[in-house]
Amino acid sequence: GISEKGVPILEENKNGKIWQAEDANQKIATYEF
């Protein structure tokens, strides 16, 4: 849904369509850069 302030309300769901990165490998980022 959408809050009264117009912000999306997100509910965690292991099959959800919205993905949020939680952790990353800095060595891979540095290497690729």
PDB file of all heavy atoms in Angstrom:
ATOM      1  N   GLY A   1       0.822  -1.198   0.000  1.00  0.00           N
ATOM      2  CA  GLY A   1       0.000   0.000   0.000  1.00  0.00           C
ATOM      3  C   GLY A   1       0.857   1.249   0.000  1.00  0.00           C
ATOM      4  O   GLY A   1       2.075   1.183  -0.118  1.00  0.00           O
ATOM      5  N   ILE A   2       0.188   2.368   0.165  1.00  0.00           N
ATOM      6  CA  ILE A   2       0.854   3.673   0.216  1.00  0.00           C
ATOM      7  C   ILE A   2       0.409   4.361   1.506  1.00  0.00           C
ATOM      8  O   ILE A   2      -0.781   4.403   1.826  1.00  0.00           O
ATOM      9  CB  ILE A   2       0.471   4.542  -1.003  1.00  0.00           C
ATOM     10  CG1 ILE A   2       0.799   3.824  -2.322  1.00  0.00           C
ATOM     11  CG2 ILE A   2       1.133   5.906  -0.939  1.00  0.00           C
ATOM     12  CD1 ILE A   2       2.266   3.613  -2.595  1.00  0.00           C
ATOM     13  N   SER A   3       1.383   4.903   2.237  1.00  0.00           N
ATOM     14  CA  SER A   3       1.058   5.582   3.490  1.00  0.00           C
ATOM     15  C   SER A   3       0.356   6.909   3.223  1.00  0.00           C
ATOM     16  O   SER A   3       0.292   7.376   2.081  1.00  0.00           O
ATOM     17  CB  SER A   3       2.335   5.837   4.302  1.00  0.00           C
ATOM     18  OG  SER A   3       3.064   6.913   3.740  1.00  0.00           O
ATOM     19  N   GLU A   4      -0.132   7.544   4.298  1.00  0.00           N
ATOM     20  CA  GLU A   4      -0.794   8.858   4.179  1.00  0.00           C
ATOM     21  C   GLU A   4       0.153   9.909   3.612  1.00  0.00           C
ATOM     22  O   GLU A   4      -0.291  10.886   3.010  1.00  0.00           O
ATOM     23  CB  GLU A   4      -1.313   9.297   5.550  1.00  0.00           C
ATOM     24  CG  GLU A   4      -2.431   8.430   6.081  1.00  0.00           C
ATOM     25  CD  GLU A   4      -2.820   8.800   7.505  1.00  0.00           C
ATOM     26  OE1 GLU A   4      -2.247   9.759   8.068  1.00  0.00           O
ATOM     27  OE2 GLU A   4      -3.708   8.130   8.056  1.00  0.00           O
ATOM     28  N   LYS A   5       1.463   9.702   3.797  1.00  0.00           N
ATOM     29  CA  LYS A   5       2.455  10.658   3.292  1.00  0.00           C
ATOM     30  C   LYS A   5       2.904  10.327   1.870  1.00  0.00           C
ATOM     31  O   LYS A   5       3.792  10.973   1.332  1.00  0.00           O
ATOM     32  CB  LYS A   5       3.667  10.683   4.223  1.00  0.00           C
ATOM     33  CG  LYS A   5       3.343  11.216   5.600  1.00  0.00           C
ATOM     34  CD  LYS A   5       4.580  11.272   6.455  1.00  0.00           C
ATOM     35  CE  LYS A   5       4.236  11.828   7.829  1.00  0.00           C
ATOM     36  NZ  LYS A   5       5.413  11.958   8.672  1.00  0.00           N
ATOM     37  N   GLY A   6       2.303   9.306   1.278  1.00  0.00           N
ATOM     38  CA  GLY A   6       2.637   8.946  -0.096  1.00  0.00           C
ATOM     39  C   GLY A   6       3.845   8.030  -0.223  1.00  0.00           C
ATOM     40  O   GLY A   6       4.384   7.872  -1.310  1.00  0.00           O
ATOM     41  N   VAL A   7       4.262   7.425   0.879  1.00  0.00           N
ATOM     42  CA  VAL A   7       5.426   6.552   0.877  1.00  0.00           C
ATOM     43  C   VAL A   7       4.954   5.097   0.745  1.00  0.00           C
ATOM     44  O   VAL A   7       4.013   4.683   1.431  1.00  0.00           O
ATOM     45  CB  VAL A   7       6.228   6.729   2.195  1.00  0.00           C
ATOM     46  CG1 VAL A   7       7.412   5.788   2.253  1.00  0.00           C
ATOM     47  CG2 VAL A   7       6.674   8.175   2.339  1.00  0.00           C
ATOM     48  N   PRO A   8       5.602   4.314  -0.120  1.00  0.00           N
ATOM     49  CA  PRO A   8       5.215   2.905  -0.242  1.00  0.00           C
ATOM     50  C   PRO A   8       5.382   2.159   1.089  1.00  0.00           C
ATOM     51  O   PRO A   8       6.347   2.381   1.818  1.00  0.00           O
ATOM     52  CB  PRO A   8       6.184   2.343  -1.289  1.00  0.00           C
ATOM     53  CG  PRO A   8       6.681   3.539  -2.027  1.00  0.00           C
ATOM     54  CD  PRO A   8       6.673   4.668  -1.047  1.00  0.00           C
ATOM     55  N   ILE A   9       4.443   1.298   1.386  1.00  0.00           N
ATOM     56  CA  ILE A   9       4.519   0.441   2.567  1.00  0.00           C
ATOM     57  C   ILE A   9       5.045  -0.903   2.089  1.00  0.00           C
ATOM     58  O   ILE A   9       4.423  -1.557   1.245  1.00  0.00           O
ATOM     59  CB  ILE A   9       3.138   0.284   3.236  1.00  0.00           C
ATOM     60  CG1 ILE A   9       2.607   1.648   3.670  1.00  0.00           C
ATOM     61  CG2 ILE A   9       3.211  -0.687   4.407  1.00  0.00           C
ATOM     62  CD1 ILE A   9       1.145   1.643   4.080  1.00  0.00           C
ATOM     63  N   LEU A  10       6.200  -1.291   2.596  1.00  0.00           N
ATOM     64  CA  LEU A  10       6.836  -2.528   2.167  1.00  0.00           C
ATOM     65  C   LEU A  10       6.731  -3.576   3.266  1.00  0.00           C
ATOM     66  O   LEU A  10       6.938  -3.293   4.436  1.00  0.00           O
ATOM     67  CB  LEU A  10       8.305  -2.283   1.828  1.00  0.00           C
ATOM     68  CG  LEU A  10       8.575  -1.247   0.736  1.00  0.00           C
ATOM     69  CD1 LEU A  10      10.069  -1.102   0.515  1.00  0.00           C
ATOM     70  CD2 LEU A  10       7.874  -1.614  -0.558  1.00  0.00           C
ATOM     71  N   GLU A  11       6.440  -4.788   2.833  1.00  0.00           N
ATOM     72  CA  GLU A  11       6.353  -5.919   3.744  1.00  0.00           C
ATOM     73  C   GLU A  11       7.348  -6.973   3.261  1.00  0.00           C
ATOM     74  O   GLU A  11       7.339  -7.349   2.081  1.00  0.00           O
ATOM     75  CB  GLU A  11       4.935  -6.482   3.747  1.00  0.00           C
ATOM     76  CG  GLU A  11       4.718  -7.573   4.767  1.00  0.00           C
ATOM     77  CD  GLU A  11       3.261  -7.983   4.815  1.00  0.00           C
ATOM     78  OE1 GLU A  11       2.404  -7.116   5.081  1.00  0.00           O
ATOM     79  OE2 GLU A  11       2.990  -9.173   4.566  1.00  0.00           O
ATOM     80  N   GLU A  12       8.221  -7.428   4.170  1.00  0.00           N
ATOM     81  CA  GLU A  12       9.207  -8.425   3.781  1.00  0.00           C
ATOM     82  C   GLU A  12       8.496  -9.712   3.348  1.00  0.00           C
ATOM     83  O   GLU A  12       7.548 -10.166   3.988  1.00  0.00           O
ATOM     84  CB  GLU A  12      10.165  -8.708   4.934  1.00  0.00           C
ATOM     85  CG  GLU A  12      11.387  -9.465   4.507  1.00  0.00           C
ATOM     86  CD  GLU A  12      12.481  -9.518   5.561  1.00  0.00           C
ATOM     87  OE1 GLU A  12      12.433  -8.746   6.540  1.00  0.00           O
ATOM     88  OE2 GLU A  12      13.382 -10.349   5.381  1.00  0.00           O
ATOM     89  N   ASN A  13       8.963 -10.258   2.225  1.00  0.00           N
ATOM     90  CA  ASN A  13       8.384 -11.470   1.667  1.00  0.00           C
ATOM     91  C   ASN A  13       9.494 -12.171   0.886  1.00  0.00           C
ATOM     92  O   ASN A  13      10.060 -11.583  -0.038  1.00  0.00           O
ATOM     93  CB  ASN A  13       7.217 -11.118   0.742  1.00  0.00           C
ATOM     94  CG  ASN A  13       6.625 -12.322   0.040  1.00  0.00           C
ATOM     95  OD1 ASN A  13       7.208 -13.395  -0.006  1.00  0.00           O
ATOM     96  ND2 ASN A  13       5.457 -12.128  -0.528  1.00  0.00           N
ATOM     97  N   LYS A  14       9.828 -13.409   1.239  1.00  0.00           N
ATOM     98  CA  LYS A  14      10.953 -14.100   0.599  1.00  0.00           C
ATOM     99  C   LYS A  14      10.769 -14.255  -0.912  1.00  0.00           C
ATOM    100  O   LYS A  14      11.737 -14.488  -1.628  1.00  0.00           O
ATOM    101  CB  LYS A  14      11.213 -15.451   1.259  1.00  0.00           C
ATOM    102  CG  LYS A  14      10.146 -16.474   1.038  1.00  0.00           C
ATOM    103  CD  LYS A  14      10.504 -17.785   1.703  1.00  0.00           C
ATOM    104  CE  LYS A  14       9.443 -18.825   1.384  1.00  0.00           C
ATOM    105  NZ  LYS A  14       9.828 -20.132   1.846  1.00  0.00           N
ATOM    106  N   ASN A  15       9.552 -14.103  -1.412  1.00  0.00           N
ATOM    107  CA  ASN A  15       9.297 -14.169  -2.849  1.00  0.00           C
ATOM    108  C   ASN A  15       8.899 -12.814  -3.435  1.00  0.00           C
ATOM    109  O   ASN A  15       8.419 -12.747  -4.565  1.00  0.00           O
ATOM    110  CB  ASN A  15       8.191 -15.194  -3.134  1.00  0.00           C
ATOM    111  CG  ASN A  15       8.599 -16.589  -2.709  1.00  0.00           C
ATOM    112  OD1 ASN A  15       9.688 -17.043  -3.022  1.00  0.00           O
ATOM    113  ND2 ASN A  15       7.739 -17.259  -1.969  1.00  0.00           N
ATOM    114  N   GLY A  16       9.089 -11.745  -2.667  1.00  0.00           N
ATOM    115  CA  GLY A  16       8.679 -10.416  -3.100  1.00  0.00           C
ATOM    116  C   GLY A  16       9.375  -9.949  -4.364  1.00  0.00           C
ATOM    117  O   GLY A  16      10.457 -10.428  -4.721  1.00  0.00           O
ATOM    118  N   LYS A  17       8.754  -9.003  -5.033  1.00  0.00           N
ATOM    119  CA  LYS A  17       9.281  -8.492  -6.302  1.00  0.00           C
ATOM    120  C   LYS A  17      10.249  -7.327  -6.125  1.00  0.00           C
ATOM    121  O   LYS A  17      10.914  -6.917  -7.068  1.00  0.00           O
ATOM    122  CB  LYS A  17       8.117  -8.067  -7.201  1.00  0.00           C
ATOM    123  CG  LYS A  17       7.260  -9.240  -7.613  1.00  0.00           C
ATOM    124  CD  LYS A  17       6.118  -8.786  -8.492  1.00  0.00           C
ATOM    125  CE  LYS A  17       5.251  -9.978  -8.854  1.00  0.00           C
ATOM    126  NZ  LYS A  17       4.096  -9.577  -9.654  1.00  0.00           N
ATOM    127  N   ILE A  18      10.315  -6.766  -4.942  1.00  0.00           N
ATOM    128  CA  ILE A  18      11.228  -5.654  -4.666  1.00  0.00           C
ATOM    129  C   ILE A  18      12.433  -6.217  -3.931  1.00  0.00           C
ATOM    130  O   ILE A  18      12.298  -6.823  -2.868  1.00  0.00           O
ATOM    131  CB  ILE A  18      10.528  -4.568  -3.831  1.00  0.00           C
ATOM    132  CG1 ILE A  18       9.313  -4.032  -4.586  1.00  0.00           C
ATOM    133  CG2 ILE A  18      11.500  -3.448  -3.473  1.00  0.00           C
ATOM    134  CD1 ILE A  18       8.395  -3.173  -3.754  1.00  0.00           C
ATOM    135  N   TRP A  19      13.591  -6.008  -4.506  1.00  0.00           N
ATOM    136  CA  TRP A  19      14.827  -6.549  -3.940  1.00  0.00           C
ATOM    137  C   TRP A  19      15.633  -5.411  -3.318  1.00  0.00           C
ATOM    138  O   TRP A  19      15.778  -4.346  -3.913  1.00  0.00           O
ATOM    139  CB  TRP A  19      15.661  -7.196  -5.031  1.00  0.00           C
ATOM    140  CG  TRP A  19      15.066  -8.426  -5.636  1.00  0.00           C
ATOM    141  CD1 TRP A  19      13.845  -8.534  -6.230  1.00  0.00           C
ATOM    142  CD2 TRP A  19      15.668  -9.702  -5.719  1.00  0.00           C
ATOM    143  NE1 TRP A  19      13.644  -9.810  -6.678  1.00  0.00           N
ATOM    144  CE2 TRP A  19      14.760 -10.560  -6.376  1.00  0.00           C
ATOM    145  CE3 TRP A  19      16.886 -10.210  -5.307  1.00  0.00           C
ATOM    146  CZ2 TRP A  19      15.035 -11.890  -6.624  1.00  0.00           C
ATOM    147  CZ3 TRP A  19      17.157 -11.545  -5.565  1.00  0.00           C
ATOM    148  CH2 TRP A  19      16.248 -12.363  -6.205  1.00  0.00           C
ATOM    149  N   GLN A  20      16.174  -5.667  -2.130  1.00  0.00           N
ATOM    150  CA  GLN A  20      17.028  -4.690  -1.460  1.00  0.00           C
ATOM    151  C   GLN A  20      18.352  -5.365  -1.118  1.00  0.00           C
ATOM    152  O   GLN A  20      18.383  -6.397  -0.445  1.00  0.00           O
ATOM    153  CB  GLN A  20      16.366  -4.204  -0.173  1.00  0.00           C
ATOM    154  CG  GLN A  20      17.247  -3.262   0.641  1.00  0.00           C
ATOM    155  CD  GLN A  20      16.534  -2.770   1.866  1.00  0.00           C
ATOM    156  OE1 GLN A  20      15.458  -2.196   1.766  1.00  0.00           O
ATOM    157  NE2 GLN A  20      17.115  -2.999   3.033  1.00  0.00           N
ATOM    158  N   ALA A  21      19.438  -4.789  -1.592  1.00  0.00           N
ATOM    159  CA  ALA A  21      20.765  -5.325  -1.271  1.00  0.00           C
ATOM    160  C   ALA A  21      21.062  -5.071   0.206  1.00  0.00           C
ATOM    161  O   ALA A  21      20.888  -3.962   0.687  1.00  0.00           O
ATOM    162  CB  ALA A  21      21.818  -4.670  -2.148  1.00  0.00           C
ATOM    163  N   GLU A  22      21.509  -6.096   0.892  1.00  0.00           N
ATOM    164  CA  GLU A  22      21.813  -5.995   2.321  1.00  0.00           C
ATOM    165  C   GLU A  22      23.307  -6.022   2.613  1.00  0.00           C
ATOM    166  O   GLU A  22      23.744  -5.487   3.614  1.00  0.00           O
ATOM    167  CB  GLU A  22      21.130  -7.145   3.080  1.00  0.00           C
ATOM    168  CG  GLU A  22      19.626  -7.017   3.123  1.00  0.00           C
ATOM    169  CD  GLU A  22      19.167  -5.870   3.988  1.00  0.00           C
ATOM    170  OE1 GLU A  22      19.586  -5.792   5.151  1.00  0.00           O
ATOM    171  OE2 GLU A  22      18.393  -5.038   3.491  1.00  0.00           O
ATOM    172  N   ASP A  23      24.067  -6.678   1.765  1.00  0.00           N
ATOM    173  CA  ASP A  23      25.509  -6.748   1.981  1.00  0.00           C
ATOM    174  C   ASP A  23      26.177  -6.958   0.630  1.00  0.00           C
ATOM    175  O   ASP A  23      25.535  -7.418  -0.327  1.00  0.00           O
ATOM    176  CB  ASP A  23      25.872  -7.878   2.940  1.00  0.00           C
ATOM    177  CG  ASP A  23      27.237  -7.684   3.598  1.00  0.00           C
ATOM    178  OD1 ASP A  23      27.866  -6.615   3.383  1.00  0.00           O
ATOM    179  OD2 ASP A  23      27.685  -8.585   4.319  1.00  0.00           O
ATOM    180  N   ALA A  24      27.448  -6.620   0.562  1.00  0.00           N
ATOM    181  CA  ALA A  24      28.174  -6.728  -0.697  1.00  0.00           C
ATOM    182  C   ALA A  24      29.642  -7.016  -0.430  1.00  0.00           C
ATOM    183  O   ALA A  24      30.125  -6.873   0.694  1.00  0.00           O
ATOM    184  CB  ALA A  24      28.022  -5.437  -1.493  1.00  0.00           C
ATOM    185  N   ASN A  25      30.343  -7.401  -1.485  1.00  0.00           N
ATOM    186  CA  ASN A  25      31.751  -7.735  -1.402  1.00  0.00           C
ATOM    187  C   ASN A  25      32.568  -6.558  -1.942  1.00  0.00           C
ATOM    188  O   ASN A  25      32.592  -6.314  -3.146  1.00  0.00           O
ATOM    189  CB  ASN A  25      32.020  -9.003  -2.206  1.00  0.00           C
ATOM    190  CG  ASN A  25      33.438  -9.491  -2.079  1.00  0.00           C
ATOM    191  OD1 ASN A  25      34.375  -8.709  -2.032  1.00  0.00           O
ATOM    192  ND2 ASN A  25      33.605 -10.803  -2.058  1.00  0.00           N
ATOM    193  N   GLN A  26      33.229  -5.843  -1.048  1.00  0.00           N
ATOM    194  CA  GLN A  26      33.985  -4.656  -1.438  1.00  0.00           C
ATOM    195  C   GLN A  26      35.158  -4.992  -2.354  1.00  0.00           C
ATOM    196  O   GLN A  26      35.517  -4.202  -3.228  1.00  0.00           O
ATOM    197  CB  GLN A  26      34.474  -3.906  -0.199  1.00  0.00           C
ATOM    198  CG  GLN A  26      35.010  -2.539  -0.525  1.00  0.00           C
ATOM    199  CD  GLN A  26      35.286  -1.724   0.708  1.00  0.00           C
ATOM    200  OE1 GLN A  26      35.813  -2.245   1.679  1.00  0.00           O
ATOM    201  NE2 GLN A  26      34.922  -0.464   0.675  1.00  0.00           N
ATOM    202  N   LYS A  27      35.732  -6.163  -2.198  1.00  0.00           N
ATOM    203  CA  LYS A  27      36.849  -6.552  -3.073  1.00  0.00           C
ATOM    204  C   LYS A  27      36.388  -6.651  -4.520  1.00  0.00           C
ATOM    205  O   LYS A  27      37.101  -6.250  -5.437  1.00  0.00           O
ATOM    206  CB  LYS A  27      37.448  -7.883  -2.613  1.00  0.00           C
ATOM    207  CG  LYS A  27      38.262  -7.766  -1.344  1.00  0.00           C
ATOM    208  CD  LYS A  27      38.843  -9.102  -0.943  1.00  0.00           C
ATOM    209  CE  LYS A  27      39.604  -8.956   0.357  1.00  0.00           C
ATOM    210  NZ  LYS A  27      40.149 -10.241   0.808  1.00  0.00           N
ATOM    211  N   ILE A  28      35.185  -7.178  -4.735  1.00  0.00           N
ATOM    212  CA  ILE A  28      34.651  -7.270  -6.102  1.00  0.00           C
ATOM    213  C   ILE A  28      34.405  -5.873  -6.653  1.00  0.00           C
ATOM    214  O   ILE A  28      34.731  -5.587  -7.808  1.00  0.00           O
ATOM    215  CB  ILE A  28      33.371  -8.126  -6.124  1.00  0.00           C
ATOM    216  CG1 ILE A  28      33.726  -9.593  -5.871  1.00  0.00           C
ATOM    217  CG2 ILE A  28      32.622  -7.966  -7.449  1.00  0.00           C
ATOM    218  CD1 ILE A  28      32.541 -10.508  -5.719  1.00  0.00           C
ATOM    219  N   ALA A  29      33.850  -4.983  -5.849  1.00  0.00           N
ATOM    220  CA  ALA A  29      33.608  -3.610  -6.301  1.00  0.00           C
ATOM    221  C   ALA A  29      34.913  -2.927  -6.685  1.00  0.00           C
ATOM    222  O   ALA A  29      34.997  -2.272  -7.727  1.00  0.00           O
ATOM    223  CB  ALA A  29      32.895  -2.816  -5.212  1.00  0.00           C
ATOM    224  N   THR A  30      35.920  -3.077  -5.845  1.00  0.00           N
ATOM    225  CA  THR A  30      37.208  -2.445  -6.107  1.00  0.00           C
ATOM    226  C   THR A  30      37.845  -3.011  -7.371  1.00  0.00           C
ATOM    227  O   THR A  30      38.316  -2.262  -8.237  1.00  0.00           O
ATOM    228  CB  THR A  30      38.145  -2.626  -4.906  1.00  0.00           C
ATOM    229  OG1 THR A  30      37.527  -2.027  -3.759  1.00  0.00           O
ATOM    230  CG2 THR A  30      39.499  -1.984  -5.137  1.00  0.00           C
ATOM    231  N   TYR A  31      37.840  -4.332  -7.493  1.00  0.00           N
ATOM    232  CA  TYR A  31      38.405  -4.974  -8.677  1.00  0.00           C
ATOM    233  C   TYR A  31      37.711  -4.467  -9.949  1.00  0.00           C
ATOM    234  O   TYR A  31      38.362  -4.092 -10.921  1.00  0.00           O
ATOM    235  CB  TYR A  31      38.274  -6.504  -8.583  1.00  0.00           C
ATOM    236  CG  TYR A  31      38.550  -7.176  -9.896  1.00  0.00           C
ATOM    237  CD1 TYR A  31      39.861  -7.424 -10.309  1.00  0.00           C
ATOM    238  CD2 TYR A  31      37.506  -7.522 -10.755  1.00  0.00           C
ATOM    239  CE1 TYR A  31      40.119  -8.015 -11.541  1.00  0.00           C
ATOM    240  CE2 TYR A  31      37.760  -8.108 -11.989  1.00  0.00           C
ATOM    241  CZ  TYR A  31      39.065  -8.353 -12.374  1.00  0.00           C
ATOM    242  OH  TYR A  31      39.304  -8.918 -13.597  1.00  0.00           O
ATOM    243  N   GLU A  32      36.380  -4.461  -9.936  1.00  0.00           N
ATOM    244  CA  GLU A  32      35.629  -4.080 -11.139  1.00  0.00           C
ATOM    245  C   GLU A  32      35.839  -2.609 -11.489  1.00  0.00           C
ATOM    246  O   GLU A  32      35.997  -2.250 -12.655  1.00  0.00           O
ATOM    247  CB  GLU A  32      34.146  -4.395 -10.971  1.00  0.00           C
ATOM    248  CG  GLU A  32      33.315  -4.125 -12.205  1.00  0.00           C
ATOM    249  CD  GLU A  32      33.675  -4.982 -13.414  1.00  0.00           C
ATOM    250  OE1 GLU A  32      34.564  -5.859 -13.343  1.00  0.00           O
ATOM    251  OE2 GLU A  32      33.058  -4.758 -14.467  1.00  0.00           O
ATOM    252  N   PHE A  33      35.839  -1.740 -10.495  1.00  0.00           N
ATOM    253  CA  PHE A  33      36.076  -0.319 -10.740  1.00  0.00           C
ATOM    254  C   PHE A  33      37.409  -0.120 -11.463  1.00  0.00           C
ATOM    255  O   PHE A  33      37.481   0.541 -12.499  1.00  0.00           O
ATOM    256  CB  PHE A  33      36.060   0.459  -9.425  1.00  0.00           C
ATOM    257  CG  PHE A  33      36.281   1.929  -9.603  1.00  0.00           C
ATOM    258  CD1 PHE A  33      35.210   2.782  -9.769  1.00  0.00           C
ATOM    259  CD2 PHE A  33      37.562   2.464  -9.620  1.00  0.00           C
ATOM    260  CE1 PHE A  33      35.405   4.148  -9.946  1.00  0.00           C
ATOM    261  CE2 PHE A  33      37.772   3.817  -9.790  1.00  0.00           C
ATOM    262  CZ  PHE A  33      36.694   4.661  -9.954  1.00  0.00           C
TER     263      PHE A  33
END
